Amino acid sequence: MEELVSRIQKDGNVLGEGVLKVDSFVTHQVDPELMEKIGARFAEVFTESGITKVVTIEASGIAPALYAAKQLDVPMIFARKAKSLTMDEELLTSSVYSFTKQVTSTISISRKFLNNEDKVLIIDDFLANGQAAKGLIELCRQAGAQVEAVGIVIEKSFQDGRQLLEDMGIRVVSLARIASLADGEVAFREADA
């Protein structure tokens, strides 16, 4: 997606060999026009897949997932990282390690929102080591739901997340794929969509 790549080139900030900061348009401040285009692109790719739910993890995955769900005309569910007092029903849970935050979180979704009739598109902002997507896949599988694919806004292709997901039999579709962040420069490889 050329507009996304251009925005990363313009506003992305390389903080180190493995860290790309995109907080001015994805992870802290959100550009709603760009997110709407990202959601529309995911919907275009998956329009014939029979998706019944879009699933993400809080917080930065919510914006692109919501726009994709709107375009696909299906509900969006986000896994919570902390249990709310109002979440008293049976929960699907999984543990997820965050490379960026250096912490393991237990994520959860209410069992009433996913079932064995659902065909799920997982959307997330970044794919690095694949742990967030893996945790979401585990939640979906606990519910008996079928994961059609994982849609990623920005993939760090130099890390092993894609391989982990593909080894699980999951299709990965990334809109921007980063080959390297060496020497403070973002180098891209061809994206999936």
C-alpha atoms as a PDB file:
ATOM      1  CA  MET A   1       0.000   0.000   0.000  1.00  0.00           C
ATOM      2  CA  GLU A   2       1.925   2.966  -1.330  1.00  0.00           C
ATOM      3  CA  GLU A   3       0.295   5.609   0.865  1.00  0.00           C
ATOM      4  CA  LEU A   4       1.271   3.677   3.998  1.00  0.00           C
ATOM      5  CA  VAL A   5       4.849   3.192   2.790  1.00  0.00           C
ATOM      6  CA  SER A   6       5.122   6.917   2.003  1.00  0.00           C
ATOM      7  CA  ARG A   7       3.834   7.807   5.454  1.00  0.00           C
ATOM      8  CA  ILE A   8       6.344   5.473   7.129  1.00  0.00           C
ATOM      9  CA  GLN A   9       9.135   7.073   5.091  1.00  0.00           C
ATOM     10  CA  LYS A  10       7.945  10.579   5.983  1.00  0.00           C
ATOM     11  CA  ASP A  11       6.930  10.205   9.652  1.00  0.00           C
ATOM     12  CA  GLY A  12       8.412   6.919  10.882  1.00  0.00           C
ATOM     13  CA  ASN A  13      11.332   7.138  13.281  1.00  0.00           C
ATOM     14  CA  VAL A  14      13.875   4.317  13.618  1.00  0.00           C
ATOM     15  CA  LEU A  15      14.864   4.016  17.279  1.00  0.00           C
ATOM     16  CA  GLY A  16      17.194   1.055  16.864  1.00  0.00           C
ATOM     17  CA  GLU A  17      17.834  -2.074  14.837  1.00  0.00           C
ATOM     18  CA  GLY A  18      14.436  -3.549  15.685  1.00  0.00           C
ATOM     19  CA  VAL A  19      12.234  -0.594  16.633  1.00  0.00           C
ATOM     20  CA  LEU A  20      10.212   1.639  14.309  1.00  0.00           C
ATOM     21  CA  LYS A  21       8.219   4.404  15.983  1.00  0.00           C
ATOM     22  CA  VAL A  22       5.018   5.347  14.135  1.00  0.00           C
ATOM     23  CA  ASP A  23       3.254   7.048  17.021  1.00  0.00           C
ATOM     24  CA  SER A  24       2.257  10.123  15.004  1.00  0.00           C
ATOM     25  CA  PHE A  25      -0.153   8.149  12.786  1.00  0.00           C
ATOM     26  CA  VAL A  26      -0.644   4.547  14.047  1.00  0.00           C
ATOM     27  CA  THR A  27       0.209   3.731  17.652  1.00  0.00           C
ATOM     28  CA  HIS A  28      -0.540   6.836  19.737  1.00  0.00           C
ATOM     29  CA  GLN A  29      -2.017   9.511  17.530  1.00  0.00           C
ATOM     30  CA  VAL A  30      -4.128   7.871  14.829  1.00  0.00           C
ATOM     31  CA  ASP A  31      -4.652   9.215  11.312  1.00  0.00           C
ATOM     32  CA  PRO A  32      -8.302   8.258  10.704  1.00  0.00           C
ATOM     33  CA  GLU A  33      -8.147   8.841   6.935  1.00  0.00           C
ATOM     34  CA  LEU A  34      -5.145   6.558   6.573  1.00  0.00           C
ATOM     35  CA  MET A  35      -6.751   3.961   8.881  1.00  0.00           C
ATOM     36  CA  GLU A  36      -9.937   4.048   6.823  1.00  0.00           C
ATOM     37  CA  LYS A  37      -7.903   3.363   3.651  1.00  0.00           C
ATOM     38  CA  ILE A  38      -6.037   0.550   5.415  1.00  0.00           C
ATOM     39  CA  GLY A  39      -9.343  -0.983   6.549  1.00  0.00           C
ATOM     40  CA  ALA A  40     -10.742  -0.669   3.028  1.00  0.00           C
ATOM     41  CA  ARG A  41      -7.676  -2.412   1.576  1.00  0.00           C
ATOM     42  CA  PHE A  42      -8.000  -5.330   4.003  1.00  0.00           C
ATOM     43  CA  ALA A  43     -11.729  -5.562   3.207  1.00  0.00           C
ATOM     44  CA  GLU A  44     -10.945  -5.578  -0.519  1.00  0.00           C
ATOM     45  CA  VAL A  45      -8.489  -8.453  -0.095  1.00  0.00           C
ATOM     46  CA  PHE A  46     -10.873 -10.507   2.068  1.00  0.00           C
ATOM     47  CA  THR A  47     -14.259  -9.573   0.599  1.00  0.00           C
ATOM     48  CA  GLU A  48     -14.795 -13.092  -0.835  1.00  0.00           C
ATOM     49  CA  SER A  49     -13.536 -14.942   2.269  1.00  0.00           C
ATOM     50  CA  GLY A  50     -16.818 -15.092   4.168  1.00  0.00           C
ATOM     51  CA  ILE A  51     -15.412 -13.263   7.183  1.00  0.00           C
ATOM     52  CA  THR A  52     -17.914 -13.078  10.064  1.00  0.00           C
ATOM     53  CA  LYS A  53     -15.712 -11.346  12.693  1.00  0.00           C
ATOM     54  CA  VAL A  54     -12.606  -9.170  12.744  1.00  0.00           C
ATOM     55  CA  VAL A  55     -10.457  -9.741  15.837  1.00  0.00           C
ATOM     56  CA  THR A  56      -7.605  -7.624  17.193  1.00  0.00           C
ATOM     57  CA  ILE A  57      -5.791  -6.859  20.435  1.00  0.00           C
ATOM     58  CA  GLU A  58      -5.976  -3.589  22.306  1.00  0.00           C
ATOM     59  CA  ALA A  59      -4.930  -0.877  21.678  1.00  0.00           C
ATOM     60  CA  SER A  60      -3.158  -0.017  18.416  1.00  0.00           C
ATOM     61  CA  GLY A  61      -4.888  -2.725  16.393  1.00  0.00           C
ATOM     62  CA  ILE A  62      -8.346  -1.328  17.123  1.00  0.00           C
ATOM     63  CA  ALA A  63      -8.392   1.474  14.528  1.00  0.00           C
ATOM     64  CA  PRO A  64      -7.434  -0.591  11.446  1.00  0.00           C
ATOM     65  CA  ALA A  65      -9.557  -3.530  12.638  1.00  0.00           C
ATOM     66  CA  LEU A  66     -12.614  -1.335  13.140  1.00  0.00           C
ATOM     67  CA  TYR A  67     -12.362   0.153   9.644  1.00  0.00           C
ATOM     68  CA  ALA A  68     -11.867  -3.301   8.113  1.00  0.00           C
ATOM     69  CA  ALA A  69     -14.896  -4.621  10.028  1.00  0.00           C
ATOM     70  CA  LYS A  70     -16.989  -1.663   8.911  1.00  0.00           C
ATOM     71  CA  GLN A  71     -16.081  -2.285   5.264  1.00  0.00           C
ATOM     72  CA  LEU A  72     -16.778  -6.023   5.640  1.00  0.00           C
ATOM     73  CA  ASP A  73     -20.031  -5.248   7.515  1.00  0.00           C
ATOM     74  CA  VAL A  74     -19.158  -7.538  10.436  1.00  0.00           C
ATOM     75  CA  PRO A  75     -18.485  -7.006  14.161  1.00  0.00           C
ATOM     76  CA  MET A  76     -14.996  -6.208  15.444  1.00  0.00           C
ATOM     77  CA  ILE A  77     -13.822  -7.802  18.689  1.00  0.00           C
ATOM     78  CA  PHE A  78     -10.753  -6.702  20.586  1.00  0.00           C
ATOM     79  CA  ALA A  79      -8.955  -8.861  23.097  1.00  0.00           C
ATOM     80  CA  ARG A  80      -8.451  -7.084  26.380  1.00  0.00           C
ATOM     81  CA  LYS A  81      -5.123  -7.044  28.161  1.00  0.00           C
ATOM     82  CA  ALA A  82      -6.729  -6.451  31.551  1.00  0.00           C
ATOM     83  CA  LYS A  83      -9.899  -7.994  32.940  1.00  0.00           C
ATOM     84  CA  SER A  84     -12.718  -5.518  33.461  1.00  0.00           C
ATOM     85  CA  LEU A  85     -15.111  -5.737  36.418  1.00  0.00           C
ATOM     86  CA  THR A  86     -17.947  -6.165  33.920  1.00  0.00           C
ATOM     87  CA  MET A  87     -16.320  -9.199  32.288  1.00  0.00           C
ATOM     88  CA  ASP A  88     -17.878 -11.838  34.512  1.00  0.00           C
ATOM     89  CA  GLU A  89     -18.747 -14.344  31.789  1.00  0.00           C
ATOM     90  CA  GLU A  90     -16.644 -17.263  30.652  1.00  0.00           C
ATOM     91  CA  LEU A  91     -13.471 -16.000  28.995  1.00  0.00           C
ATOM     92  CA  LEU A  92     -11.154 -17.299  26.336  1.00  0.00           C
ATOM     93  CA  THR A  93      -7.611 -16.482  27.493  1.00  0.00           C
ATOM     94  CA  SER A  94      -4.071 -16.644  26.181  1.00  0.00           C
ATOM     95  CA  SER A  95      -0.669 -15.276  27.180  1.00  0.00           C
ATOM     96  CA  VAL A  96       1.141 -12.825  24.904  1.00  0.00           C
ATOM     97  CA  TYR A  97       4.702 -11.541  25.225  1.00  0.00           C
ATOM     98  CA  SER A  98       5.329  -8.003  23.949  1.00  0.00           C
ATOM     99  CA  PHE A  99       8.820  -7.431  22.548  1.00  0.00           C
ATOM    100  CA  THR A 100       8.343  -3.640  22.606  1.00  0.00           C
ATOM    101  CA  LYS A 101       7.028  -3.461  26.180  1.00  0.00           C
ATOM    102  CA  GLN A 102       9.071  -6.426  27.472  1.00  0.00           C
ATOM    103  CA  VAL A 103       6.069  -7.803  29.361  1.00  0.00           C
ATOM    104  CA  THR A 104       3.751 -10.824  29.198  1.00  0.00           C
ATOM    105  CA  SER A 105       0.018 -10.096  29.281  1.00  0.00           C
ATOM    106  CA  THR A 106      -2.976 -12.383  29.612  1.00  0.00           C
ATOM    107  CA  ILE A 107      -5.416 -11.414  26.879  1.00  0.00           C
ATOM    108  CA  SER A 108      -9.076 -12.338  26.911  1.00  0.00           C
ATOM    109  CA  ILE A 109     -12.262 -12.312  24.867  1.00  0.00           C
ATOM    110  CA  SER A 110     -15.698 -13.227  26.143  1.00  0.00           C
ATOM    111  CA  ARG A 111     -16.693 -16.662  24.869  1.00  0.00           C
ATOM    112  CA  LYS A 112     -20.116 -15.280  23.895  1.00  0.00           C
ATOM    113  CA  PHE A 113     -18.610 -13.282  21.006  1.00  0.00           C
ATOM    114  CA  LEU A 114     -16.817 -16.118  19.140  1.00  0.00           C
ATOM    115  CA  ASN A 115     -18.019 -19.580  18.184  1.00  0.00           C
ATOM    116  CA  ASN A 116     -17.395 -22.487  15.828  1.00  0.00           C
ATOM    117  CA  GLU A 117     -19.429 -20.856  13.044  1.00  0.00           C
ATOM    118  CA  ASP A 118     -17.142 -17.818  12.833  1.00  0.00           C
ATOM    119  CA  LYS A 119     -14.596 -17.172  10.087  1.00  0.00           C
ATOM    120  CA  VAL A 120     -12.130 -14.696  11.544  1.00  0.00           C
ATOM    121  CA  LEU A 121      -9.804 -12.102  10.084  1.00  0.00           C
ATOM    122  CA  ILE A 122      -7.209 -11.053  12.657  1.00  0.00           C
ATOM    123  CA  ILE A 123      -5.862  -7.524  12.194  1.00  0.00           C
ATOM    124  CA  ASP A 124      -2.889  -6.011  14.023  1.00  0.00           C
ATOM    125  CA  ASP A 125      -0.709  -2.947  13.671  1.00  0.00           C
ATOM    126  CA  PHE A 126       2.679  -4.696  13.745  1.00  0.00           C
ATOM    127  CA  LEU A 127       4.071  -8.165  13.118  1.00  0.00           C
ATOM    128  CA  ALA A 128       7.503  -8.750  14.607  1.00  0.00           C
ATOM    129  CA  ASN A 129       7.895 -11.984  16.543  1.00  0.00           C
ATOM    130  CA  GLY A 130       4.271 -13.000  16.010  1.00  0.00           C
ATOM    131  CA  GLN A 131       3.331 -13.428  19.648  1.00  0.00           C
ATOM    132  CA  ALA A 132       0.253 -11.148  19.628  1.00  0.00           C
ATOM    133  CA  ALA A 133      -1.148 -12.808  16.504  1.00  0.00           C
ATOM    134  CA  LYS A 134      -0.362 -16.262  17.917  1.00  0.00           C
ATOM    135  CA  GLY A 135      -2.258 -15.406  21.114  1.00  0.00           C
ATOM    136  CA  LEU A 136      -5.256 -14.195  19.099  1.00  0.00           C
ATOM    137  CA  ILE A 137      -5.188 -17.354  16.967  1.00  0.00           C
ATOM    138  CA  GLU A 138      -5.202 -19.435  20.156  1.00  0.00           C
ATOM    139  CA  LEU A 139      -8.258 -17.524  21.454  1.00  0.00           C
ATOM    140  CA  CYS A 140     -10.098 -18.099  18.183  1.00  0.00           C
ATOM    141  CA  ARG A 141      -9.219 -21.790  18.154  1.00  0.00           C
ATOM    142  CA  GLN A 142     -10.442 -22.176  21.760  1.00  0.00           C
ATOM    143  CA  ALA A 143     -13.823 -20.950  20.503  1.00  0.00           C
ATOM    144  CA  GLY A 144     -13.698 -23.323  17.541  1.00  0.00           C
ATOM    145  CA  ALA A 145     -13.590 -20.375  15.131  1.00  0.00           C
ATOM    146  CA  GLN A 146     -11.692 -20.652  11.841  1.00  0.00           C
ATOM    147  CA  VAL A 147      -8.915 -18.092  11.325  1.00  0.00           C
ATOM    148  CA  GLU A 148      -8.918 -17.184   7.627  1.00  0.00           C
ATOM    149  CA  ALA A 149      -5.870 -14.908   7.778  1.00  0.00           C
ATOM    150  CA  VAL A 150      -3.873 -12.390   9.734  1.00  0.00           C
ATOM    151  CA  GLY A 151      -3.805  -8.872   8.267  1.00  0.00           C
ATOM    152  CA  ILE A 152      -0.841  -6.752   9.332  1.00  0.00           C
ATOM    153  CA  VAL A 153      -0.423  -3.012   8.846  1.00  0.00           C
ATOM    154  CA  ILE A 154       3.412  -3.041   9.199  1.00  0.00           C
ATOM    155  CA  GLU A 155       5.500  -6.216   9.163  1.00  0.00           C
ATOM    156  CA  LYS A 156       9.116  -6.366  10.281  1.00  0.00           C
ATOM    157  CA  SER A 157      10.109  -9.018   7.750  1.00  0.00           C
ATOM    158  CA  PHE A 158      13.572  -9.360   9.272  1.00  0.00           C
ATOM    159  CA  GLN A 159      12.008 -10.936  12.373  1.00  0.00           C
ATOM    160  CA  ASP A 160      10.442 -14.392  12.552  1.00  0.00           C
ATOM    161  CA  GLY A 161       6.742 -13.583  13.103  1.00  0.00           C
ATOM    162  CA  ARG A 162       5.586 -14.403   9.570  1.00  0.00           C
ATOM    163  CA  GLN A 163       7.351 -17.771   9.638  1.00  0.00           C
ATOM    164  CA  LEU A 164       5.782 -18.611  13.006  1.00  0.00           C
ATOM    165  CA  LEU A 165       2.275 -17.892  11.692  1.00  0.00           C
ATOM    166  CA  GLU A 166       2.806 -19.641   8.356  1.00  0.00           C
ATOM    167  CA  ASP A 167       4.125 -22.696  10.239  1.00  0.00           C
ATOM    168  CA  MET A 168       0.755 -22.657  12.068  1.00  0.00           C
ATOM    169  CA  GLY A 169      -0.969 -22.834   8.667  1.00  0.00           C
ATOM    170  CA  ILE A 170      -2.094 -19.201   8.738  1.00  0.00           C
ATOM    171  CA  ARG A 171      -2.137 -16.877   5.723  1.00  0.00           C
ATOM    172  CA  VAL A 172      -0.408 -13.539   6.397  1.00  0.00           C
ATOM    173  CA  VAL A 173      -1.246 -10.386   4.434  1.00  0.00           C
ATOM    174  CA  SER A 174       0.909  -7.346   5.227  1.00  0.00           C
ATOM    175  CA  LEU A 175       0.337  -3.896   3.748  1.00  0.00           C
ATOM    176  CA  ALA A 176       3.902  -2.687   4.394  1.00  0.00           C
ATOM    177  CA  ARG A 177       6.866  -5.034   4.794  1.00  0.00           C
ATOM    178  CA  ILE A 178      10.112  -3.747   6.243  1.00  0.00           C
ATOM    179  CA  ALA A 179      13.254  -5.564   5.137  1.00  0.00           C
ATOM    180  CA  SER A 180      15.621  -3.703   7.457  1.00  0.00           C
ATOM    181  CA  LEU A 181      15.967  -0.846   9.926  1.00  0.00           C
ATOM    182  CA  ALA A 182      19.776  -0.852   9.736  1.00  0.00           C
ATOM    183  CA  ASP A 183      21.689   2.414  10.108  1.00  0.00           C
ATOM    184  CA  GLY A 184      18.514   4.301  10.996  1.00  0.00           C
ATOM    185  CA  GLU A 185      17.020   3.749   7.534  1.00  0.00           C
ATOM    186  CA  VAL A 186      13.789   1.961   6.651  1.00  0.00           C
ATOM    187  CA  ALA A 187      14.262  -0.472   3.764  1.00  0.00           C
ATOM    188  CA  PHE A 188      11.129  -2.059   2.321  1.00  0.00           C
ATOM    189  CA  ARG A 189      10.359  -5.294   0.522  1.00  0.00           C
ATOM    190  CA  GLU A 190       7.312  -6.008  -1.629  1.00  0.00           C
ATOM    191  CA  ALA A 191       4.080  -6.030   0.365  1.00  0.00           C
ATOM    192  CA  ASP A 192       1.321  -8.646   0.102  1.00  0.00           C
ATOM    193  CA  ALA A 193      -1.453  -6.191  -0.737  1.00  0.00           C
END
